[in-house]
Amino acid sequence: MQNLRKILICGITFIAVTSCSSNESNLQQGIAAFGPEDCKPVVEQQINDTNIDRNKISKIDYLTYYISESDSGEEYNYQGWISFNSCQGNFVVDMNRSCQIIKTYPMGNCRMEDIVAQN
């Protein structure tokens, strides 16, 4: 009975420690994407991490970017295109099919200093 109690306490402690120490910046590791909209949590996290001013966002589009199509299948990635009311252009979040970010970049005349929140 003592051993069972120790195992139970150790198991609960392990679960508590691992859940508290999880790294939310690795959100994309836990997503199974079936379409570009499934990457929304990753794009939302990138908006927060980049400190983009949400008041300047006019819309967010989620797209499938086709790299190639062949008899063996399609190669594609997902993208989040963030549009702004403060500049003509977008902030793009390129992701693979598992929603892991490949790169991010501003386009058009949207510069980072135009879209980040002022502290």
Protein backbone atom coordinates (compact mmCIF):
# COMPACT_ATOMS: atom_id res chain seq x y z
CA MET A 1 0.00 0.00 0.00
CA GLN A 2 2.91 2.38 0.78
CA ASN A 3 4.44 1.71 -2.64
CA LEU A 4 1.15 2.39 -4.39
CA ARG A 5 0.81 5.70 -2.52
CA LYS A 6 4.39 6.70 -3.49
CA ILE A 7 3.78 5.82 -7.13
CA LEU A 8 0.53 7.80 -7.15
CA ILE A 9 2.15 10.86 -5.53
CA CYS A 10 5.14 10.70 -7.90
CA GLY A 11 2.85 10.34 -10.91
CA ILE A 12 0.72 13.33 -9.91
CA THR A 13 3.83 15.40 -9.22
CA PHE A 14 5.32 14.48 -12.61
CA ILE A 15 2.13 15.43 -14.45
CA ALA A 16 1.89 18.73 -12.58
CA VAL A 17 5.51 19.66 -13.24
CA THR A 18 5.42 18.76 -16.94
CA SER A 19 2.15 20.62 -17.53
CA CYS A 20 3.44 23.72 -15.76
CA SER A 21 6.73 23.71 -17.62
CA SER A 22 5.27 23.27 -21.09
CA ASN A 23 6.52 25.80 -23.59
CA GLU A 24 3.62 27.56 -25.30
CA SER A 25 5.97 28.93 -27.94
CA ASN A 26 6.01 25.40 -29.34
CA LEU A 27 2.27 25.48 -29.94
CA GLN A 28 2.67 24.34 -33.52
CA GLN A 29 4.08 20.99 -32.34
CA GLY A 30 0.65 19.95 -31.09
CA ILE A 31 -1.52 20.83 -34.11
CA ALA A 32 -2.77 18.39 -36.71
CA ALA A 33 -3.74 20.62 -39.61
CA PHE A 34 -6.25 19.51 -42.22
CA GLY A 35 -6.57 22.97 -43.74
CA PRO A 36 -4.98 26.40 -43.46
CA GLU A 37 -7.54 27.62 -40.90
CA ASP A 38 -6.29 24.94 -38.51
CA CYS A 39 -3.10 27.02 -38.16
CA LYS A 40 -5.04 29.95 -36.67
CA PRO A 41 -3.67 29.41 -33.11
CA VAL A 42 -0.09 29.57 -34.45
CA VAL A 43 -0.80 32.79 -36.39
CA GLU A 44 -2.49 34.29 -33.32
CA GLN A 45 0.54 33.39 -31.20
CA GLN A 46 2.86 34.94 -33.80
CA ILE A 47 0.82 38.16 -33.67
CA ASN A 48 1.36 38.24 -29.91
CA ASP A 49 5.05 37.29 -30.11
CA THR A 50 5.73 39.95 -32.75
CA ASN A 51 3.74 42.53 -30.75
CA ILE A 52 1.54 43.43 -33.72
CA ASP A 53 -1.10 46.01 -32.80
CA ARG A 54 -4.42 44.17 -33.10
CA ASN A 55 -6.26 47.49 -33.55
CA LYS A 56 -4.44 47.92 -36.87
CA ILE A 57 -5.49 44.50 -38.23
CA SER A 58 -8.33 44.66 -40.76
CA LYS A 59 -8.49 40.93 -41.60
CA ILE A 60 -6.58 37.67 -41.58
CA ASP A 61 -6.76 35.25 -44.50
CA TYR A 62 -5.61 31.63 -44.29
CA LEU A 63 -4.35 30.23 -47.59
CA THR A 64 -2.95 27.05 -49.09
CA TYR A 65 0.21 27.73 -51.07
CA TYR A 66 0.76 25.05 -53.71
CA ILE A 67 4.43 24.35 -54.40
CA SER A 68 3.90 21.61 -56.99
CA GLU A 69 1.36 19.08 -58.18
CA SER A 70 2.29 15.76 -59.71
CA ASP A 71 1.08 12.19 -60.06
CA SER A 72 2.71 11.35 -56.75
CA GLY A 73 0.72 14.04 -54.93
CA GLU A 74 0.60 17.69 -54.07
CA GLU A 75 3.26 19.66 -52.25
CA TYR A 76 1.83 22.59 -50.36
CA ASN A 77 2.24 24.81 -47.32
CA TYR A 78 -0.09 27.09 -45.40
CA GLN A 79 0.05 30.84 -45.00
CA GLY A 80 -1.59 33.42 -42.79
CA TRP A 81 -1.93 36.82 -44.49
CA ILE A 82 -2.58 39.63 -42.03
CA SER A 83 -3.98 42.84 -43.58
CA PHE A 84 -3.89 46.23 -41.91
CA ASN A 85 -5.84 49.47 -41.94
CA SER A 86 -2.63 51.45 -41.30
CA CYS A 87 -0.68 50.44 -44.45
CA GLN A 88 -1.17 48.85 -47.86
CA GLY A 89 0.29 45.37 -47.61
CA ASN A 90 0.41 42.35 -45.37
CA PHE A 91 2.39 40.50 -42.74
CA VAL A 92 2.77 36.91 -43.94
CA VAL A 93 3.27 33.85 -41.76
CA ASP A 94 4.58 30.95 -43.89
CA MET A 95 4.00 27.52 -42.32
CA ASN A 96 4.43 23.92 -43.34
CA ARG A 97 1.50 21.48 -43.33
CA SER A 98 2.01 20.90 -39.60
CA CYS A 99 1.65 24.64 -38.89
CA GLN A 100 5.32 25.01 -38.01
CA ILE A 101 6.49 28.48 -38.96
CA ILE A 102 9.01 28.56 -41.80
CA LYS A 103 9.37 32.34 -41.99
CA THR A 104 7.51 35.60 -41.46
CA TYR A 105 7.81 38.84 -43.41
CA PRO A 106 6.03 42.11 -44.17
CA MET A 107 4.92 42.83 -47.76
CA GLY A 108 3.89 45.89 -49.69
CA ASN A 109 4.46 49.16 -47.89
CA CYS A 110 3.78 47.67 -44.45
CA ARG A 111 6.91 48.06 -42.38
CA MET A 112 7.26 46.46 -38.96
CA GLU A 113 7.38 49.88 -37.29
CA ASP A 114 3.98 50.63 -38.88
CA ILE A 115 2.24 47.57 -37.48
CA VAL A 116 3.74 46.87 -34.05
CA ALA A 117 2.11 48.22 -30.91
CA GLN A 118 3.66 51.37 -29.52
CA ASN A 119 4.77 50.99 -25.91
